[in-house]
Structure formats: structure tokens, C-alpha cells
Amino acid sequence: MQGAIQRGALSEALLMSPRARILPFQLSSVIKSIAKDMNDEFLGLSENALPMGSFLLLARNAIHSQNLYEIYKSTARALKVMTTQLSLELIQGDRFSRVRFHIKAKDGNASVILCELALLIWHRFPSWLIGERVHLEQVRLPFKAPTHANEYPLLFGGKIEYNCEFAELVIPNTLLKSPCRRSLQELNGYVSELPKLWFQYMDYGSRSVDISGACLNAMQMLASTSMHKVAKSLNTSIRTLSRKLAAENVTFQKLKAVYLRDKALNLLANDQLSIEQITSVLGYTEPSAFTRAFKQWTGNTPHHYRKMVRK
């Protein structure tokens, strides 16, 4: 484990800080290292391991599907052959279908992590296969809201329900006919970027991308957190944008904080800019204002965070 943490460019001091943030490439590196060291894509969190290369087999099986319905159905069949620790079933209703997950983990904490990963992967990978973000009407979780629950709307979109009987993704039936648009060659390129792609915001240029993700992508493209500019780039009004964000249980101010926080983390991980320069890049008038904001986001000052990263 220590080796995986070091390869992820993380320090023990950083990990011991309850509210500290890490970057997608760091999380990706740690997960990849743990899986490789243990030869287990379940990361040692289940009773029985899932050998390395298992997701690749599932992905190569799924890419031959005609549509989203077949992607989930074929994956459910393949999982039955590969493991007893994770299963998936597609349950169709009148208007919505539920992608239900059954997960066997070592303990409660492991169950939460595996549940998060399973739902994240089997939402984002099928979204990539069909070339648009699969809209989630609801995400149902079989545990109480964790301390990081405010991250879930940004990860999934849609309404989050806790203490449910099963872990489920609830999707509109109309999406089940969405065709698989990817080739085997594209899949090879996709897999080479894993698991980093699972921890980044999705945007496949689709009209169905969740509005929160669209806002974050617009901020990155514009290098601006102006609500007026973001709304204009999305061809909508500020009022309509606010209403759509409210439907996803997210505010523009929350997204602005996420954008600035992640940009600050990237800049602080690079020694080329001073704290004063980063303050200016992020649009703060003075370092003290940036320090207050950063401490609210992470529980640490920019100086302390940079010191922990360097260790």
C-alpha cells in the first residue's frame, strides 16, 4: 500500500488530513498500483479477487452490443461467469429501468467503496460506449449518507437516495435503444487511459450531458467562472441555468467552488507558480482571500497543502 501511495505522488501527511483533496491522476495512480500489486481489480475489498484484465474482457464483450440495453444485459451474463462478488441485473419498468448491483465486500467500509466504484464505472463506461452521458433519474445507495455525500451529485447527477435495499442506477427506458457507437480500436485507446477517465467529468459533446458537467466544462473552456458567460456559452439564460442546476441539487456557486478548488490543487502541485501568482490566476484580489477559500475547501492553507504534497 505504501508503494502505491508513493507512486501516486501522495504524502502520508496529505492522506491524514480529513478534508484534503487529491487530483484524478493521483487517485488513478494509486488504484492502478494497488490492483497491480494485488492482482485484484476489486482492490482487496472483497472475499475473492477479480484478476487483472477482467474489466478488459467485460469491455470487449460489451463493445459488440447493439445498444445500451444489450450492454447491460451482456455484462450481467458475463459477470455471472467471472465472479460471485459482483452481479448486475437490468429491471425494466413502465417508464424507467433499474440497473441493480449486488456486491459482496469484506466489511461495511469496503462495501461503500466497491459500491461507489461499481456504479461509477457502469455509468461512465456505457455512457462512453453510446457517445452521450446516460441520464440518471435517480441513484439509489444501500447505505447512509457518508461525509463526502455532497460529491455524489457532481459524480452522478440526478437525485441521490440513501438507505435503500439495493444499489441501483435508475435510467429512462428511452435511453435503452441508444446505439453503441465505439469501435474496438477506440476501446483500446479508452482502456489505456483507465482508471483516470472514470474520475473526470464526462462530456461527449452530447445534448444530454448533465448541466452541472456542462457548466464545469464551460468554465474550463472559457477560463471564467462568470455565470453570465457560462450561460451564454450554453445558449441559455441565467434563470434557466439556475433552475436546471437546482433539479440536479447543485448551485452555480458550488460548481464555481469546485472549479476553483481543482484548478488551485493543480497549480499548487506544480512548483512553477508562487502562492501570490496562483492567487492572481484564480481571480482573487489578495492572498488572504484565496487562503480563506482554500481552507474552506480542503481544511488546509495553500502553504500547508503544498508542503504536504512536497513531502
Protein backbone atom coordinates (compact mmCIF):
# COMPACT_ATOMS: atom_id res chain seq x y z
CA MET A 1 0.00 0.00 0.00
CA GLN A 2 2.82 2.41 0.89
CA GLY A 3 4.40 1.88 -2.52
CA ALA A 4 1.10 2.63 -4.26
CA ILE A 5 0.73 5.85 -2.27
CA GLN A 6 4.24 6.95 -3.20
CA ARG A 7 3.67 6.18 -6.88
CA GLY A 8 0.58 8.37 -6.69
CA ALA A 9 2.78 11.29 -5.56
CA LEU A 10 0.90 11.41 -2.25
CA SER A 11 2.28 12.01 1.22
CA GLU A 12 1.17 10.44 4.48
CA ALA A 13 0.55 13.92 5.86
CA LEU A 14 -1.81 14.70 2.99
CA LEU A 15 -3.77 11.47 3.44
CA MET A 16 -4.09 12.04 7.20
CA SER A 17 -5.79 15.39 6.60
CA PRO A 18 -9.56 14.61 6.66
CA ARG A 19 -10.61 17.26 4.13
CA ALA A 20 -7.55 17.23 1.88
CA ARG A 21 -8.18 16.84 -1.84
CA ILE A 22 -6.24 14.78 -4.38
CA LEU A 23 -6.21 15.03 -8.15
CA PRO A 24 -7.75 12.49 -10.57
CA PHE A 25 -4.35 11.37 -11.84
CA GLN A 26 -3.21 10.73 -8.25
CA LEU A 27 -6.26 8.63 -7.40
CA SER A 28 -5.88 6.82 -10.70
CA SER A 29 -2.24 6.02 -10.00
CA VAL A 30 -2.98 4.69 -6.51
CA ILE A 31 -5.85 2.47 -7.66
CA LYS A 32 -3.86 1.14 -10.61
CA SER A 33 -0.89 0.35 -8.36
CA ILE A 34 -2.99 -1.42 -5.71
CA ALA A 35 -4.78 -3.51 -8.32
CA LYS A 36 -1.50 -4.48 -9.98
CA ASP A 37 0.30 -5.29 -6.71
CA MET A 38 -2.61 -7.46 -5.51
CA ASN A 39 -3.59 -8.80 -8.95
CA ASP A 40 -7.11 -7.83 -7.93
CA GLU A 41 -9.38 -5.32 -9.66
CA PHE A 42 -11.53 -5.36 -6.50
CA LEU A 43 -8.51 -3.86 -4.67
CA GLY A 44 -8.62 -6.47 -1.91
CA LEU A 45 -12.03 -5.22 -0.76
CA SER A 46 -13.96 -8.44 -1.46
CA GLU A 47 -13.53 -12.00 -0.20
CA ASN A 48 -12.37 -13.24 -3.60
CA ALA A 49 -10.14 -11.37 -6.03
CA LEU A 50 -11.08 -10.28 -9.55
CA PRO A 51 -7.91 -10.94 -11.61
CA MET A 52 -6.27 -8.18 -13.62
CA GLY A 53 -7.66 -7.94 -17.14
CA SER A 54 -11.22 -8.76 -16.07
CA PHE A 55 -12.62 -5.32 -16.93
CA LEU A 56 -10.93 -5.50 -20.33
CA LEU A 57 -12.75 -8.78 -21.00
CA LEU A 58 -16.05 -7.21 -19.93
CA ALA A 59 -15.36 -4.17 -22.11
CA ARG A 60 -14.53 -6.25 -25.18
CA ASN A 61 -17.70 -8.21 -24.61
CA ALA A 62 -19.84 -5.07 -24.23
CA ILE A 63 -18.50 -3.25 -27.28
CA HIS A 64 -20.18 -5.75 -29.63
CA SER A 65 -23.60 -4.81 -28.19
CA GLN A 66 -26.14 -3.10 -30.44
CA ASN A 67 -27.45 -0.66 -27.84
CA LEU A 68 -27.48 0.30 -24.15
CA TYR A 69 -29.98 -2.46 -23.32
CA GLU A 70 -27.63 -5.10 -24.71
CA ILE A 71 -24.61 -3.51 -22.99
CA TYR A 72 -26.15 -4.06 -19.57
CA LYS A 73 -27.65 -7.45 -20.43
CA SER A 74 -24.41 -8.86 -21.87
CA THR A 75 -22.42 -7.51 -18.92
CA ALA A 76 -24.83 -9.17 -16.50
CA ARG A 77 -24.31 -12.52 -18.24
CA ALA A 78 -20.53 -12.14 -18.32
CA LEU A 79 -20.29 -11.24 -14.63
CA LYS A 80 -22.15 -14.44 -13.69
CA VAL A 81 -19.33 -16.44 -15.27
CA MET A 82 -16.46 -14.31 -13.94
CA THR A 83 -17.22 -13.65 -10.27
CA THR A 84 -19.58 -14.26 -7.37
CA GLN A 85 -18.61 -10.96 -5.71
CA LEU A 86 -20.40 -8.62 -8.13
CA SER A 87 -23.54 -9.11 -10.17
CA LEU A 88 -25.71 -6.80 -12.23
CA GLU A 89 -29.30 -7.03 -13.45
CA LEU A 90 -31.46 -4.78 -15.62
CA ILE A 91 -35.02 -4.46 -14.33
CA GLN A 92 -37.43 -2.74 -16.71
CA GLY A 93 -40.46 -0.74 -15.59
CA ASP A 94 -43.10 1.26 -17.43
CA ARG A 95 -41.04 4.45 -17.81
CA PHE A 96 -37.76 3.74 -16.08
CA SER A 97 -35.35 0.85 -15.75
CA ARG A 98 -33.12 -0.01 -12.81
CA VAL A 99 -29.57 -1.26 -13.16
CA ARG A 100 -29.25 -3.17 -9.89
CA PHE A 101 -25.93 -4.19 -8.36
CA HIS A 102 -25.27 -6.96 -5.85
CA ILE A 103 -21.90 -6.51 -4.16
CA LYS A 104 -20.14 -8.78 -1.67
CA ALA A 105 -17.45 -6.94 0.27
CA LYS A 106 -15.30 -7.71 3.31
CA ASP A 107 -16.95 -5.12 5.56
CA GLY A 108 -19.13 -2.03 5.59
CA ASN A 109 -16.40 0.44 4.57
CA ALA A 110 -15.26 -1.83 1.75
CA SER A 111 -18.88 -2.19 0.63
CA VAL A 112 -19.26 1.60 0.27
CA ILE A 113 -16.07 1.90 -1.80
CA LEU A 114 -16.92 -1.03 -4.09
CA CYS A 115 -20.48 0.25 -4.50
CA GLU A 116 -19.23 3.72 -5.48
CA LEU A 117 -16.76 2.26 -7.97
CA ALA A 118 -19.24 -0.20 -9.50
CA LEU A 119 -21.91 2.46 -10.04
CA LEU A 120 -19.39 4.98 -11.33
CA ILE A 121 -17.80 2.54 -13.79
CA TRP A 122 -21.05 1.09 -15.10
CA HIS A 123 -22.50 4.54 -15.58
CA ARG A 124 -19.47 6.12 -17.25
CA PHE A 125 -18.32 3.24 -19.43
CA PRO A 126 -21.76 2.66 -21.03
CA SER A 127 -22.03 6.45 -21.46
CA TRP A 128 -18.77 6.39 -23.39
CA LEU A 129 -19.94 3.43 -25.48
CA ILE A 130 -23.09 5.23 -26.66
CA GLY A 131 -21.33 8.59 -27.02
CA GLU A 132 -23.50 10.51 -24.59
CA ARG A 133 -23.94 10.74 -20.87
CA VAL A 134 -26.59 8.30 -19.63
CA HIS A 135 -29.08 10.47 -17.78
CA LEU A 136 -29.72 9.19 -14.27
CA GLU A 137 -33.18 9.83 -12.92
CA GLN A 138 -32.05 8.55 -9.55
CA VAL A 139 -29.09 6.90 -7.83
CA ARG A 140 -30.09 4.55 -5.02
CA LEU A 141 -27.47 3.64 -2.41
CA PRO A 142 -27.76 0.91 0.27
CA PHE A 143 -26.01 2.91 3.00
CA LYS A 144 -26.46 6.14 4.93
CA ALA A 145 -25.12 9.40 3.54
CA PRO A 146 -21.32 9.47 4.08
CA THR A 147 -19.33 12.57 5.00
CA HIS A 148 -18.49 13.11 1.31
CA ALA A 149 -22.13 12.84 0.17
CA ASN A 150 -22.03 16.35 -1.31
CA GLU A 151 -19.73 14.96 -4.03
CA TYR A 152 -22.32 12.48 -5.35
CA PRO A 153 -24.46 14.94 -7.34
CA LEU A 154 -21.31 16.04 -9.18
CA LEU A 155 -20.27 12.43 -9.85
CA PHE A 156 -23.62 11.13 -11.00
CA GLY A 157 -26.15 13.93 -11.45
CA GLY A 158 -29.77 13.15 -10.64
CA LYS A 159 -31.35 12.58 -7.25
CA ILE A 160 -29.44 10.57 -4.64
CA GLU A 161 -31.37 8.29 -2.27
CA TYR A 162 -29.77 6.63 0.78
CA ASN A 163 -30.54 3.60 2.96
CA CYS A 164 -32.10 1.77 0.01
CA GLU A 165 -32.44 -2.00 -0.19
CA PHE A 166 -30.22 -2.23 -3.27
CA ALA A 167 -27.60 -0.20 -5.13
CA GLU A 168 -29.29 0.96 -8.33
CA LEU A 169 -28.97 3.36 -11.23
CA VAL A 170 -32.41 4.48 -12.44
CA ILE A 171 -32.48 5.43 -16.14
CA PRO A 172 -35.24 6.36 -18.63
CA ASN A 173 -36.39 3.49 -20.84
CA THR A 174 -35.97 5.71 -23.89
CA LEU A 175 -32.19 5.50 -23.50
CA LEU A 176 -32.08 1.71 -23.74
CA LYS A 177 -32.27 1.88 -27.54
CA SER A 178 -29.28 4.26 -27.77
CA PRO A 179 -26.79 2.58 -30.16
CA CYS A 180 -23.25 1.60 -29.26
CA ARG A 181 -21.03 3.93 -31.32
CA ARG A 182 -17.49 2.85 -30.46
CA SER A 183 -15.00 0.63 -32.29
CA LEU A 184 -12.53 -1.89 -30.91
CA GLN A 185 -9.71 0.47 -31.84
CA GLU A 186 -11.34 3.28 -29.84
CA LEU A 187 -11.80 0.89 -26.92
CA ASN A 188 -8.07 0.15 -26.82
CA GLY A 189 -7.37 3.88 -26.53
CA TYR A 190 -10.03 4.26 -23.84
CA VAL A 191 -8.70 1.39 -21.73
CA SER A 192 -5.16 2.80 -21.89
CA GLU A 193 -6.42 5.91 -20.05
CA LEU A 194 -8.12 3.99 -17.24
CA PRO A 195 -8.95 4.42 -14.44
CA LYS A 196 -8.29 8.17 -14.80
CA LEU A 197 -11.22 8.66 -17.19
CA TRP A 198 -13.65 7.35 -14.58
CA PHE A 199 -12.75 10.17 -12.18
CA GLN A 200 -13.11 13.05 -14.63
CA TYR A 201 -16.23 14.90 -15.70
CA MET A 202 -17.86 13.45 -18.77
CA ASP A 203 -18.64 15.47 -21.86
CA TYR A 204 -19.02 13.71 -25.21
CA GLY A 205 -20.44 16.75 -26.98
CA SER A 206 -23.95 15.45 -26.40
CA ARG A 207 -27.11 17.38 -25.79
CA SER A 208 -27.88 15.00 -22.93
CA VAL A 209 -24.82 15.87 -20.83
CA ASP A 210 -25.89 16.85 -17.30
CA ILE A 211 -25.98 20.60 -16.84
CA SER A 212 -23.54 20.54 -13.90
CA GLY A 213 -20.92 18.80 -16.04
CA ALA A 214 -21.64 21.17 -18.92
CA CYS A 215 -21.08 24.16 -16.62
CA LEU A 216 -17.75 22.83 -15.38
CA ASN A 217 -16.60 22.13 -18.91
CA ALA A 218 -17.68 25.62 -19.97
CA MET A 219 -15.69 27.16 -17.11
CA GLN A 220 -12.62 25.23 -18.26
CA MET A 221 -13.08 26.25 -21.89
CA LEU A 222 -13.76 29.90 -21.04
CA ALA A 223 -11.27 30.06 -18.15
CA SER A 224 -14.03 32.01 -16.42
CA THR A 225 -16.47 31.50 -13.56
CA SER A 226 -18.86 34.22 -14.75
CA MET A 227 -22.40 32.84 -14.65
CA HIS A 228 -23.38 35.20 -17.46
CA LYS A 229 -20.57 33.91 -19.72
CA VAL A 230 -21.25 30.27 -18.86
CA ALA A 231 -24.99 30.62 -19.52
CA LYS A 232 -24.29 32.38 -22.82
CA SER A 233 -21.89 29.62 -23.93
CA LEU A 234 -24.61 27.05 -23.18
CA ASN A 235 -27.21 29.08 -25.14
CA THR A 236 -29.43 29.56 -22.12
CA SER A 237 -30.42 32.27 -19.65
CA ILE A 238 -29.11 32.64 -16.11
CA ARG A 239 -32.60 31.92 -14.78
CA THR A 240 -32.98 28.71 -16.80
CA LEU A 241 -29.47 27.61 -15.87
CA SER A 242 -30.23 28.11 -12.17
CA ARG A 243 -33.44 26.11 -12.49
CA LYS A 244 -31.72 23.21 -14.26
CA LEU A 245 -28.93 23.14 -11.70
CA ALA A 246 -31.48 23.09 -8.88
CA ALA A 247 -33.02 19.99 -10.48
CA GLU A 248 -29.61 18.31 -10.08
CA ASN A 249 -29.34 19.51 -6.45
CA VAL A 250 -26.37 21.74 -7.33
CA THR A 251 -25.87 25.51 -7.27
CA PHE A 252 -23.68 27.57 -9.57
CA GLN A 253 -21.69 28.76 -6.54
CA LYS A 254 -20.95 25.13 -5.64
CA LEU A 255 -19.71 24.43 -9.18
CA LYS A 256 -17.64 27.60 -9.13
CA ALA A 257 -16.00 26.46 -5.89
CA VAL A 258 -15.31 23.00 -7.37
CA TYR A 259 -13.72 24.53 -10.47
CA LEU A 260 -11.55 26.94 -8.49
CA ARG A 261 -10.62 24.26 -5.95
CA ASP A 262 -9.50 21.76 -8.60
CA LYS A 263 -7.59 24.44 -10.51
CA ALA A 264 -5.89 25.52 -7.28
CA LEU A 265 -4.89 21.92 -6.50
CA ASN A 266 -3.32 21.54 -9.93
CA LEU A 267 -1.43 24.81 -9.62
CA LEU A 268 -0.22 24.06 -6.08
CA ALA A 269 1.05 20.65 -7.17
CA ASN A 270 3.30 22.49 -9.62
CA ASP A 271 6.16 24.49 -8.10
CA GLN A 272 6.40 26.93 -11.01
CA LEU A 273 3.98 29.49 -9.53
CA SER A 274 4.11 31.18 -6.15
CA ILE A 275 1.05 31.41 -3.89
CA GLU A 276 0.76 35.07 -4.85
CA GLN A 277 0.78 34.21 -8.56
CA ILE A 278 -1.82 31.46 -8.07
CA THR A 279 -3.98 33.97 -6.19
CA SER A 280 -3.94 36.23 -9.25
CA VAL A 281 -4.56 33.40 -11.74
CA LEU A 282 -7.66 32.33 -9.79
CA GLY A 283 -9.03 35.87 -9.74
CA TYR A 284 -8.61 36.68 -6.05
CA THR A 285 -7.58 40.22 -5.17
CA GLU A 286 -5.24 39.21 -2.35
CA PRO A 287 -3.60 36.02 -0.98
CA SER A 288 -5.56 36.19 2.27
CA ALA A 289 -8.87 35.83 0.37
CA PHE A 290 -7.53 32.81 -1.54
CA THR A 291 -6.20 31.29 1.69
CA ARG A 292 -9.61 31.59 3.39
CA ALA A 293 -11.38 29.99 0.43
CA PHE A 294 -8.83 27.18 0.08
CA LYS A 295 -9.06 26.39 3.79
CA GLN A 296 -12.86 26.13 3.47
CA TRP A 297 -12.46 23.68 0.56
CA THR A 298 -9.73 21.46 1.99
CA GLY A 299 -9.20 22.25 5.66
CA ASN A 300 -5.62 23.36 4.88
CA THR A 301 -3.92 26.58 3.87
CA PRO A 302 -2.30 26.68 0.40
CA HIS A 303 1.16 26.78 2.01
CA HIS A 304 0.42 23.74 4.19
CA TYR A 305 -1.10 21.81 1.29
CA ARG A 306 1.93 22.47 -0.94
CA LYS A 307 4.21 21.40 1.91
CA MET A 308 2.28 18.12 2.32
CA VAL A 309 2.46 17.44 -1.43
CA ARG A 310 6.23 18.02 -1.43
CA LYS A 311 6.73 15.50 1.39
